[in-house]
């Protein structure tokens, strides 16, 4: 595996999916969850370095990469962050990791938030990259945010409209979401495009967003009075939408009691745009005495 030298590829069957992942290193377990429109490959600039001190696990979320892509249910519950978090809890259990630290970017950070909620005894620390909580972002939506994050409102439309419009336009769409430039390794870009050429991936990722706008909000509202107690690190891109339109530290302090973090000199894709800075902040937080 060129992007993850020394790592091992595995497939782990959970109660709701089969999860593709790579794992490597020795030490305390560390779970890294990717965002949209990417796969586990997005961690390739960080994972080998982290594997010097941690047992690193980088899965493809349900519906992404080479993990299972079941057809969405009418209520989108099989793509709820609760269901996707359950996958990850079972994966870590089957790999022998009872308790672990957790890092998520974008959609993976939303799964990570739910994983910390539903499996709090399993998660020792939570790091979220370039998001504010889902409920906060939807309830704060205005024209500027809807314009910048138009894909949120496009992908939640009833099937098969977005699926049909995206079919046959994958390279251009993926480039449009990621942006052009040299920050993304060509091998990683090929992996993202390969995954999205599968119509099942397009459908599954639409279901991820449909769940976020429906059943996930129900789950989040039920938790409003129950703050997370574990340490939370929040990092965001100074040039990204979240940093311009939200207050990530304030937003996360509404749902967690121990929150720290800062902006990094980049856009949305911190692990690929600012890997050195992201790694420095992660290392400082992950090894902090508890």
C-alpha atoms as a PDB file:
ATOM      1  CA  UNK A   1       0.000   0.000   0.000  1.00  0.00           C
ATOM      2  CA  UNK A   2       1.899   2.978  -1.315  1.00  0.00           C
ATOM      3  CA  UNK A   3      -0.050   5.555   0.696  1.00  0.00           C
ATOM      4  CA  UNK A   4       0.261   3.607   3.975  1.00  0.00           C
ATOM      5  CA  UNK A   5       3.654   1.855   4.059  1.00  0.00           C
ATOM      6  CA  UNK A   6       3.780  -0.924   6.627  1.00  0.00           C
ATOM      7  CA  UNK A   7       0.019  -0.921   7.200  1.00  0.00           C
ATOM      8  CA  UNK A   8      -2.217  -3.987   6.849  1.00  0.00           C
ATOM      9  CA  UNK A   9      -5.525  -3.993   4.996  1.00  0.00           C
ATOM     10  CA  UNK A  10      -8.484  -5.706   6.677  1.00  0.00           C
ATOM     11  CA  UNK A  11     -12.212  -6.165   6.197  1.00  0.00           C
ATOM     12  CA  UNK A  12     -14.300  -6.337   9.366  1.00  0.00           C
ATOM     13  CA  UNK A  13     -17.914  -7.450   9.387  1.00  0.00           C
ATOM     14  CA  UNK A  14     -20.208  -5.520  11.740  1.00  0.00           C
ATOM     15  CA  UNK A  15     -23.891  -6.040  12.493  1.00  0.00           C
ATOM     16  CA  UNK A  16     -24.812  -3.632   9.694  1.00  0.00           C
ATOM     17  CA  UNK A  17     -21.937  -3.510   7.199  1.00  0.00           C
ATOM     18  CA  UNK A  18     -18.563  -4.800   6.149  1.00  0.00           C
ATOM     19  CA  UNK A  19     -15.917  -2.158   6.803  1.00  0.00           C
ATOM     20  CA  UNK A  20     -12.710  -1.816   4.792  1.00  0.00           C
ATOM     21  CA  UNK A  21      -9.746  -0.420   6.714  1.00  0.00           C
ATOM     22  CA  UNK A  22      -5.996  -0.172   7.031  1.00  0.00           C
ATOM     23  CA  UNK A  23      -4.210  -0.442  10.344  1.00  0.00           C
ATOM     24  CA  UNK A  24      -0.619  -0.116  11.451  1.00  0.00           C
ATOM     25  CA  UNK A  25       1.714   0.824  14.265  1.00  0.00           C
ATOM     26  CA  UNK A  26       1.997  -0.059  17.928  1.00  0.00           C
ATOM     27  CA  UNK A  27       0.782   1.623  21.053  1.00  0.00           C
ATOM     28  CA  UNK A  28      -2.542   3.016  22.294  1.00  0.00           C
ATOM     29  CA  UNK A  29      -5.338   2.666  19.707  1.00  0.00           C
ATOM     30  CA  UNK A  30      -6.270   5.698  17.607  1.00  0.00           C
ATOM     31  CA  UNK A  31      -9.254   5.718  15.230  1.00  0.00           C
ATOM     32  CA  UNK A  32      -9.221   8.182  12.289  1.00  0.00           C
ATOM     33  CA  UNK A  33     -12.497   8.825  10.406  1.00  0.00           C
ATOM     34  CA  UNK A  34     -12.478  10.500   6.991  1.00  0.00           C
ATOM     35  CA  UNK A  35     -14.786  13.056   5.426  1.00  0.00           C
ATOM     36  CA  UNK A  36     -16.628  13.681   2.133  1.00  0.00           C
ATOM     37  CA  UNK A  37     -15.944  13.092  -0.738  1.00  0.00           C
ATOM     38  CA  UNK A  38     -12.943  11.096   0.417  1.00  0.00           C
ATOM     39  CA  UNK A  39     -11.948   7.697   1.812  1.00  0.00           C
ATOM     40  CA  UNK A  40      -9.481   6.496   4.448  1.00  0.00           C
ATOM     41  CA  UNK A  41      -6.770   7.614   1.992  1.00  0.00           C
ATOM     42  CA  UNK A  42      -7.128  11.187   3.268  1.00  0.00           C
ATOM     43  CA  UNK A  43      -5.016  10.249   6.334  1.00  0.00           C
ATOM     44  CA  UNK A  44      -1.959   9.189   4.328  1.00  0.00           C
ATOM     45  CA  UNK A  45       0.074  12.268   5.331  1.00  0.00           C
ATOM     46  CA  UNK A  46      -0.568  11.733   9.053  1.00  0.00           C
ATOM     47  CA  UNK A  47      -1.140   8.032   9.714  1.00  0.00           C
ATOM     48  CA  UNK A  48       2.411   6.717   9.096  1.00  0.00           C
ATOM     49  CA  UNK A  49       3.858   9.299  11.478  1.00  0.00           C
ATOM     50  CA  UNK A  50       1.198   8.660  14.133  1.00  0.00           C
ATOM     51  CA  UNK A  51       1.844   4.925  13.808  1.00  0.00           C
ATOM     52  CA  UNK A  52       5.225   5.447  15.479  1.00  0.00           C
ATOM     53  CA  UNK A  53       3.410   5.887  18.785  1.00  0.00           C
ATOM     54  CA  UNK A  54      -0.128   4.594  18.234  1.00  0.00           C
ATOM     55  CA  UNK A  55      -1.970   1.648  16.744  1.00  0.00           C
ATOM     56  CA  UNK A  56      -3.694   3.597  13.990  1.00  0.00           C
ATOM     57  CA  UNK A  57      -6.964   2.426  12.413  1.00  0.00           C
ATOM     58  CA  UNK A  58      -8.206   4.170   9.243  1.00  0.00           C
ATOM     59  CA  UNK A  59     -11.529   2.766   7.981  1.00  0.00           C
ATOM     60  CA  UNK A  60     -13.788   3.656   5.100  1.00  0.00           C
ATOM     61  CA  UNK A  61     -17.118   4.743   6.563  1.00  0.00           C
ATOM     62  CA  UNK A  62     -20.225   2.805   5.626  1.00  0.00           C
ATOM     63  CA  UNK A  63     -21.146   3.888   2.091  1.00  0.00           C
ATOM     64  CA  UNK A  64     -17.648   5.125   1.226  1.00  0.00           C
ATOM     65  CA  UNK A  65     -14.530   3.657  -0.360  1.00  0.00           C
ATOM     66  CA  UNK A  66     -14.579  -0.133  -0.264  1.00  0.00           C
ATOM     67  CA  UNK A  67     -16.961  -0.533   2.674  1.00  0.00           C
ATOM     68  CA  UNK A  68     -20.543  -1.792   2.308  1.00  0.00           C
ATOM     69  CA  UNK A  69     -23.029   0.421   0.495  1.00  0.00           C
ATOM     70  CA  UNK A  70     -26.534  -0.770   1.430  1.00  0.00           C
ATOM     71  CA  UNK A  71     -29.549   0.822  -0.191  1.00  0.00           C
ATOM     72  CA  UNK A  72     -30.931   3.593   1.970  1.00  0.00           C
ATOM     73  CA  UNK A  73     -34.037   2.922   4.050  1.00  0.00           C
ATOM     74  CA  UNK A  74     -37.068   5.244   3.770  1.00  0.00           C
ATOM     75  CA  UNK A  75     -36.159   6.974   7.054  1.00  0.00           C
ATOM     76  CA  UNK A  76     -32.402   6.986   6.195  1.00  0.00           C
ATOM     77  CA  UNK A  77     -31.696   5.276   9.519  1.00  0.00           C
ATOM     78  CA  UNK A  78     -29.096   2.898   8.093  1.00  0.00           C
ATOM     79  CA  UNK A  79     -26.989   5.975   7.270  1.00  0.00           C
ATOM     80  CA  UNK A  80     -27.667   7.768  10.534  1.00  0.00           C
ATOM     81  CA  UNK A  81     -24.555   8.743  12.412  1.00  0.00           C
ATOM     82  CA  UNK A  82     -25.783   6.369  15.108  1.00  0.00           C
ATOM     83  CA  UNK A  83     -25.608   3.416  12.686  1.00  0.00           C
ATOM     84  CA  UNK A  84     -22.262   4.530  11.254  1.00  0.00           C
ATOM     85  CA  UNK A  85     -20.864   5.027  14.760  1.00  0.00           C
ATOM     86  CA  UNK A  86     -22.045   1.553  15.734  1.00  0.00           C
ATOM     87  CA  UNK A  87     -19.982   0.187  12.842  1.00  0.00           C
ATOM     88  CA  UNK A  88     -16.890   1.851  14.236  1.00  0.00           C
ATOM     89  CA  UNK A  89     -17.502   0.696  17.805  1.00  0.00           C
ATOM     90  CA  UNK A  90     -17.811  -2.884  16.565  1.00  0.00           C
ATOM     91  CA  UNK A  91     -14.751  -2.579  14.332  1.00  0.00           C
ATOM     92  CA  UNK A  92     -12.592  -1.428  17.227  1.00  0.00           C
ATOM     93  CA  UNK A  93     -13.986  -4.166  19.482  1.00  0.00           C
ATOM     94  CA  UNK A  94     -13.207  -6.852  16.908  1.00  0.00           C
ATOM     95  CA  UNK A  95      -9.697  -5.489  16.460  1.00  0.00           C
ATOM     96  CA  UNK A  96      -9.202  -5.843  20.202  1.00  0.00           C
ATOM     97  CA  UNK A  97      -9.375  -2.146  21.111  1.00  0.00           C
ATOM     98  CA  UNK A  98     -11.758  -1.731  24.033  1.00  0.00           C
ATOM     99  CA  UNK A  99     -10.978   1.974  24.597  1.00  0.00           C
ATOM    100  CA  UNK A 100      -9.452   4.377  22.092  1.00  0.00           C
ATOM    101  CA  UNK A 101      -8.821   7.961  21.071  1.00  0.00           C
ATOM    102  CA  UNK A 102     -10.855   9.302  18.185  1.00  0.00           C
ATOM    103  CA  UNK A 103     -10.231  11.837  15.408  1.00  0.00           C
ATOM    104  CA  UNK A 104     -12.732  12.742  12.682  1.00  0.00           C
ATOM    105  CA  UNK A 105     -12.778  15.142   9.767  1.00  0.00           C
ATOM    106  CA  UNK A 106     -15.945  16.496   8.147  1.00  0.00           C
ATOM    107  CA  UNK A 107     -18.529  13.648   7.913  1.00  0.00           C
ATOM    108  CA  UNK A 108     -16.187  11.465   9.932  1.00  0.00           C
ATOM    109  CA  UNK A 109     -16.228  14.088  12.686  1.00  0.00           C
ATOM    110  CA  UNK A 110     -20.019  13.885  12.756  1.00  0.00           C
ATOM    111  CA  UNK A 111     -19.803  10.111  13.112  1.00  0.00           C
ATOM    112  CA  UNK A 112     -17.144  10.646  15.793  1.00  0.00           C
ATOM    113  CA  UNK A 113     -19.428  13.018  17.708  1.00  0.00           C
ATOM    114  CA  UNK A 114     -22.165  10.377  17.748  1.00  0.00           C
ATOM    115  CA  UNK A 115     -19.668   7.637  18.646  1.00  0.00           C
ATOM    116  CA  UNK A 116     -18.579   9.652  21.680  1.00  0.00           C
ATOM    117  CA  UNK A 117     -22.250  10.168  22.594  1.00  0.00           C
ATOM    118  CA  UNK A 118     -23.407   6.575  22.215  1.00  0.00           C
ATOM    119  CA  UNK A 119     -20.227   4.784  23.325  1.00  0.00           C
ATOM    120  CA  UNK A 120     -18.749   7.242  25.789  1.00  0.00           C
ATOM    121  CA  UNK A 121     -17.031   4.612  27.909  1.00  0.00           C
ATOM    122  CA  UNK A 122     -15.099   3.480  24.845  1.00  0.00           C
ATOM    123  CA  UNK A 123     -13.769   6.885  23.742  1.00  0.00           C
ATOM    124  CA  UNK A 124     -11.099   8.630  25.820  1.00  0.00           C
ATOM    125  CA  UNK A 125     -10.647  11.778  23.689  1.00  0.00           C
ATOM    126  CA  UNK A 126     -12.425  13.319  20.720  1.00  0.00           C
ATOM    127  CA  UNK A 127     -10.879  15.517  18.011  1.00  0.00           C
ATOM    128  CA  UNK A 128     -13.103  17.134  15.371  1.00  0.00           C
ATOM    129  CA  UNK A 129     -11.674  18.796  12.272  1.00  0.00           C
ATOM    130  CA  UNK A 130     -13.425  21.702  10.554  1.00  0.00           C
ATOM    131  CA  UNK A 131     -16.984  21.269  11.735  1.00  0.00           C
ATOM    132  CA  UNK A 132     -19.390  22.747  14.199  1.00  0.00           C
ATOM    133  CA  UNK A 133     -22.090  20.391  15.527  1.00  0.00           C
ATOM    134  CA  UNK A 134     -24.622  19.355  12.869  1.00  0.00           C
ATOM    135  CA  UNK A 135     -27.644  20.731  14.711  1.00  0.00           C
ATOM    136  CA  UNK A 136     -25.926  24.073  15.255  1.00  0.00           C
ATOM    137  CA  UNK A 137     -25.013  24.386  11.596  1.00  0.00           C
ATOM    138  CA  UNK A 138     -28.495  23.567  10.310  1.00  0.00           C
ATOM    139  CA  UNK A 139     -30.209  25.847  12.800  1.00  0.00           C
ATOM    140  CA  UNK A 140     -27.837  28.696  11.873  1.00  0.00           C
ATOM    141  CA  UNK A 141     -28.296  28.370   8.122  1.00  0.00           C
ATOM    142  CA  UNK A 142     -28.555  31.595   6.162  1.00  0.00           C
ATOM    143  CA  UNK A 143     -28.081  32.445   2.492  1.00  0.00           C
ATOM    144  CA  UNK A 144     -24.307  32.806   2.786  1.00  0.00           C
ATOM    145  CA  UNK A 145     -23.905  29.367   4.379  1.00  0.00           C
ATOM    146  CA  UNK A 146     -26.383  27.690   2.015  1.00  0.00           C
ATOM    147  CA  UNK A 147     -24.471  29.132  -0.931  1.00  0.00           C
ATOM    148  CA  UNK A 148     -21.079  28.010   0.367  1.00  0.00           C
ATOM    149  CA  UNK A 149     -22.340  24.568   1.410  1.00  0.00           C
ATOM    150  CA  UNK A 150     -24.818  24.122  -1.429  1.00  0.00           C
ATOM    151  CA  UNK A 151     -24.014  20.411  -1.615  1.00  0.00           C
ATOM    152  CA  UNK A 152     -25.692  19.877   1.775  1.00  0.00           C
ATOM    153  CA  UNK A 153     -29.004  20.972   0.310  1.00  0.00           C
ATOM    154  CA  UNK A 154     -28.483  19.352  -3.083  1.00  0.00           C
ATOM    155  CA  UNK A 155     -27.589  15.893  -1.760  1.00  0.00           C
ATOM    156  CA  UNK A 156     -30.582  15.711   0.609  1.00  0.00           C
ATOM    157  CA  UNK A 157     -33.104  15.960  -2.225  1.00  0.00           C
ATOM    158  CA  UNK A 158     -35.304  12.906  -2.742  1.00  0.00           C
ATOM    159  CA  UNK A 159     -33.747  10.057  -4.692  1.00  0.00           C
ATOM    160  CA  UNK A 160     -32.935   9.580  -7.457  1.00  0.00           C
ATOM    161  CA  UNK A 161     -32.511  13.258  -8.401  1.00  0.00           C
ATOM    162  CA  UNK A 162     -29.002  13.969  -7.048  1.00  0.00           C
ATOM    163  CA  UNK A 163     -27.850  10.433  -7.891  1.00  0.00           C
ATOM    164  CA  UNK A 164     -28.835  10.879 -11.537  1.00  0.00           C
ATOM    165  CA  UNK A 165     -27.354  14.347 -11.813  1.00  0.00           C
ATOM    166  CA  UNK A 166     -24.023  13.197 -10.383  1.00  0.00           C
ATOM    167  CA  UNK A 167     -23.768  10.027 -12.468  1.00  0.00           C
ATOM    168  CA  UNK A 168     -21.208  10.462 -15.252  1.00  0.00           C
ATOM    169  CA  UNK A 169     -19.790  13.666 -13.744  1.00  0.00           C
ATOM    170  CA  UNK A 170     -17.614  12.190 -11.010  1.00  0.00           C
ATOM    171  CA  UNK A 171     -14.145  13.595 -11.857  1.00  0.00           C
ATOM    172  CA  UNK A 172     -15.436  17.128 -12.230  1.00  0.00           C
ATOM    173  CA  UNK A 173     -17.643  16.912  -9.159  1.00  0.00           C
ATOM    174  CA  UNK A 174     -14.923  15.497  -6.908  1.00  0.00           C
ATOM    175  CA  UNK A 175     -12.497  18.154  -8.110  1.00  0.00           C
ATOM    176  CA  UNK A 176     -15.133  20.772  -7.477  1.00  0.00           C
ATOM    177  CA  UNK A 177     -15.613  19.660  -3.883  1.00  0.00           C
ATOM    178  CA  UNK A 178     -11.888  19.289  -3.165  1.00  0.00           C
ATOM    179  CA  UNK A 179     -10.615  22.222  -5.177  1.00  0.00           C
ATOM    180  CA  UNK A 180      -7.794  22.202  -7.680  1.00  0.00           C
ATOM    181  CA  UNK A 181      -4.142  22.473  -6.759  1.00  0.00           C
ATOM    182  CA  UNK A 182      -1.164  20.499  -5.527  1.00  0.00           C
ATOM    183  CA  UNK A 183      -2.302  19.912  -1.944  1.00  0.00           C
ATOM    184  CA  UNK A 184      -3.818  16.524  -2.810  1.00  0.00           C
ATOM    185  CA  UNK A 185      -1.542  13.643  -3.731  1.00  0.00           C
ATOM    186  CA  UNK A 186      -2.359  12.263  -7.205  1.00  0.00           C
ATOM    187  CA  UNK A 187      -2.665   8.733  -5.783  1.00  0.00           C
ATOM    188  CA  UNK A 188      -5.211   9.930  -3.226  1.00  0.00           C
ATOM    189  CA  UNK A 189      -7.181  11.811  -5.877  1.00  0.00           C
ATOM    190  CA  UNK A 190      -7.334   8.697  -8.039  1.00  0.00           C
ATOM    191  CA  UNK A 191      -8.668   6.786  -5.038  1.00  0.00           C
ATOM    192  CA  UNK A 192     -11.413   9.342  -4.369  1.00  0.00           C
ATOM    193  CA  UNK A 193     -12.487   9.356  -8.014  1.00  0.00           C
ATOM    194  CA  UNK A 194     -12.392   5.555  -8.234  1.00  0.00           C
ATOM    195  CA  UNK A 195     -14.666   5.197  -5.231  1.00  0.00           C
ATOM    196  CA  UNK A 196     -17.171   7.753  -6.518  1.00  0.00           C
ATOM    197  CA  UNK A 197     -17.498   6.104  -9.914  1.00  0.00           C
ATOM    198  CA  UNK A 198     -19.557   3.416  -8.179  1.00  0.00           C
ATOM    199  CA  UNK A 199     -23.255   4.436  -8.379  1.00  0.00           C
ATOM    200  CA  UNK A 200     -23.791   2.747  -5.022  1.00  0.00           C
ATOM    201  CA  UNK A 201     -21.277   5.144  -3.466  1.00  0.00           C
ATOM    202  CA  UNK A 202     -23.099   8.152  -4.902  1.00  0.00           C
ATOM    203  CA  UNK A 203     -26.395   6.868  -3.473  1.00  0.00           C
ATOM    204  CA  UNK A 204     -24.873   5.965  -0.113  1.00  0.00           C
ATOM    205  CA  UNK A 205     -23.221   9.334   0.360  1.00  0.00           C
ATOM    206  CA  UNK A 206     -26.477  11.103  -0.524  1.00  0.00           C
ATOM    207  CA  UNK A 207     -28.105   8.973   2.180  1.00  0.00           C
ATOM    208  CA  UNK A 208     -25.433  10.122   4.637  1.00  0.00           C
ATOM    209  CA  UNK A 209     -26.508  13.725   4.033  1.00  0.00           C
ATOM    210  CA  UNK A 210     -30.239  12.870   4.029  1.00  0.00           C
ATOM    211  CA  UNK A 211     -29.805  11.242   7.422  1.00  0.00           C
ATOM    212  CA  UNK A 212     -27.965  14.320   8.698  1.00  0.00           C
ATOM    213  CA  UNK A 213     -30.926  16.529   7.790  1.00  0.00           C
ATOM    214  CA  UNK A 214     -33.536  14.236   9.352  1.00  0.00           C
ATOM    215  CA  UNK A 215     -32.941  11.411  11.835  1.00  0.00           C
ATOM    216  CA  UNK A 216     -29.564  12.743  13.020  1.00  0.00           C
ATOM    217  CA  UNK A 217     -31.195  15.998  14.098  1.00  0.00           C
ATOM    218  CA  UNK A 218     -33.747  14.023  16.136  1.00  0.00           C
ATOM    219  CA  UNK A 219     -30.921  12.200  17.909  1.00  0.00           C
ATOM    220  CA  UNK A 220     -28.965  15.415  18.473  1.00  0.00           C
ATOM    221  CA  UNK A 221     -31.950  17.273  19.933  1.00  0.00           C
ATOM    222  CA  UNK A 222     -32.489  14.486  22.454  1.00  0.00           C
ATOM    223  CA  UNK A 223     -28.911  15.015  23.683  1.00  0.00           C
ATOM    224  CA  UNK A 224     -29.058  18.799  24.053  1.00  0.00           C
ATOM    225  CA  UNK A 225     -29.053  18.735  27.868  1.00  0.00           C
ATOM    226  CA  UNK A 226     -26.350  16.051  28.140  1.00  0.00           C
ATOM    227  CA  UNK A 227     -22.881  17.498  27.629  1.00  0.00           C
ATOM    228  CA  UNK A 228     -19.911  15.384  26.625  1.00  0.00           C
ATOM    229  CA  UNK A 229     -17.436  15.062  29.503  1.00  0.00           C
ATOM    230  CA  UNK A 230     -14.360  13.825  27.667  1.00  0.00           C
ATOM    231  CA  UNK A 231     -11.598  16.168  26.389  1.00  0.00           C
ATOM    232  CA  UNK A 232     -12.457  17.615  22.955  1.00  0.00           C
ATOM    233  CA  UNK A 233      -9.976  19.204  20.547  1.00  0.00           C
ATOM    234  CA  UNK A 234     -11.440  21.408  17.813  1.00  0.00           C
ATOM    235  CA  UNK A 235      -9.323  22.401  14.818  1.00  0.00           C
ATOM    236  CA  UNK A 236     -10.526  24.307  11.789  1.00  0.00           C
ATOM    237  CA  UNK A 237      -9.184  25.992   8.689  1.00  0.00           C
ATOM    238  CA  UNK A 238      -8.724  29.734   8.934  1.00  0.00           C
ATOM    239  CA  UNK A 239      -9.651  30.027   5.256  1.00  0.00           C
ATOM    240  CA  UNK A 240     -12.563  27.568   5.407  1.00  0.00           C
ATOM    241  CA  UNK A 241     -16.304  28.198   5.610  1.00  0.00           C
ATOM    242  CA  UNK A 242     -16.639  26.921   9.182  1.00  0.00           C
ATOM    243  CA  UNK A 243     -14.002  29.336  10.436  1.00  0.00           C
ATOM    244  CA  UNK A 244     -15.603  32.288   8.651  1.00  0.00           C
ATOM    245  CA  UNK A 245     -19.261  31.642   9.406  1.00  0.00           C
ATOM    246  CA  UNK A 246     -19.235  29.884  12.773  1.00  0.00           C
ATOM    247  CA  UNK A 247     -17.452  30.060  16.109  1.00  0.00           C
ATOM    248  CA  UNK A 248     -16.220  26.464  16.479  1.00  0.00           C
ATOM    249  CA  UNK A 249     -14.955  26.764  20.067  1.00  0.00           C
ATOM    250  CA  UNK A 250     -18.133  28.412  21.297  1.00  0.00           C
ATOM    251  CA  UNK A 251     -20.304  25.957  19.351  1.00  0.00           C
ATOM    252  CA  UNK A 252     -18.558  22.898  20.766  1.00  0.00           C
ATOM    253  CA  UNK A 253     -18.635  24.329  24.294  1.00  0.00           C
ATOM    254  CA  UNK A 254     -22.418  24.204  24.004  1.00  0.00           C
ATOM    255  CA  UNK A 255     -22.237  20.399  23.752  1.00  0.00           C
ATOM    256  CA  UNK A 256     -19.043  19.521  25.675  1.00  0.00           C
ATOM    257  CA  UNK A 257     -17.427  20.652  28.930  1.00  0.00           C
ATOM    258  CA  UNK A 258     -13.692  20.364  28.114  1.00  0.00           C
ATOM    259  CA  UNK A 259     -13.006  22.016  24.763  1.00  0.00           C
ATOM    260  CA  UNK A 260      -9.797  23.492  23.359  1.00  0.00           C
ATOM    261  CA  UNK A 261      -8.516  24.234  19.873  1.00  0.00           C
ATOM    262  CA  UNK A 262      -7.518  26.755  17.265  1.00  0.00           C
ATOM    263  CA  UNK A 263      -7.569  27.673  13.601  1.00  0.00           C
ATOM    264  CA  UNK A 264      -4.858  26.400  11.259  1.00  0.00           C
ATOM    265  CA  UNK A 265      -3.540  28.227   8.166  1.00  0.00           C
ATOM    266  CA  UNK A 266      -5.522  26.320   5.534  1.00  0.00           C
ATOM    267  CA  UNK A 267      -8.950  25.617   4.131  1.00  0.00           C
ATOM    268  CA  UNK A 268     -11.316  22.737   4.900  1.00  0.00           C
ATOM    269  CA  UNK A 269      -9.026  19.737   4.318  1.00  0.00           C
ATOM    270  CA  UNK A 270      -6.631  20.107   7.260  1.00  0.00           C
ATOM    271  CA  UNK A 271      -4.839  16.719   7.056  1.00  0.00           C
ATOM    272  CA  UNK A 272      -3.951  17.296   3.400  1.00  0.00           C
ATOM    273  CA  UNK A 273      -3.577  21.075   3.269  1.00  0.00           C
ATOM    274  CA  UNK A 274      -1.731  21.568   6.564  1.00  0.00           C
ATOM    275  CA  UNK A 275      -0.429  18.130   7.611  1.00  0.00           C
ATOM    276  CA  UNK A 276       2.501  19.376   9.696  1.00  0.00           C
ATOM    277  CA  UNK A 277       0.392  21.800  11.685  1.00  0.00           C
ATOM    278  CA  UNK A 278      -2.417  19.260  12.114  1.00  0.00           C
ATOM    279  CA  UNK A 279       0.017  16.583  13.258  1.00  0.00           C
ATOM    280  CA  UNK A 280       1.624  18.943  15.769  1.00  0.00           C
ATOM    281  CA  UNK A 281      -1.729  19.810  17.339  1.00  0.00           C
ATOM    282  CA  UNK A 282      -2.845  16.173  17.391  1.00  0.00           C
ATOM    283  CA  UNK A 283       0.342  14.965  19.047  1.00  0.00           C
ATOM    284  CA  UNK A 284       0.159  17.646  21.710  1.00  0.00           C
ATOM    285  CA  UNK A 285      -3.463  16.788  22.519  1.00  0.00           C
ATOM    286  CA  UNK A 286      -3.296  12.992  22.274  1.00  0.00           C
ATOM    287  CA  UNK A 287      -0.402  12.671  24.687  1.00  0.00           C
ATOM    288  CA  UNK A 288      -1.741  15.202  27.174  1.00  0.00           C
ATOM    289  CA  UNK A 289      -1.944  13.682  30.690  1.00  0.00           C
ATOM    290  CA  UNK A 290      -5.495  12.609  31.534  1.00  0.00           C
END
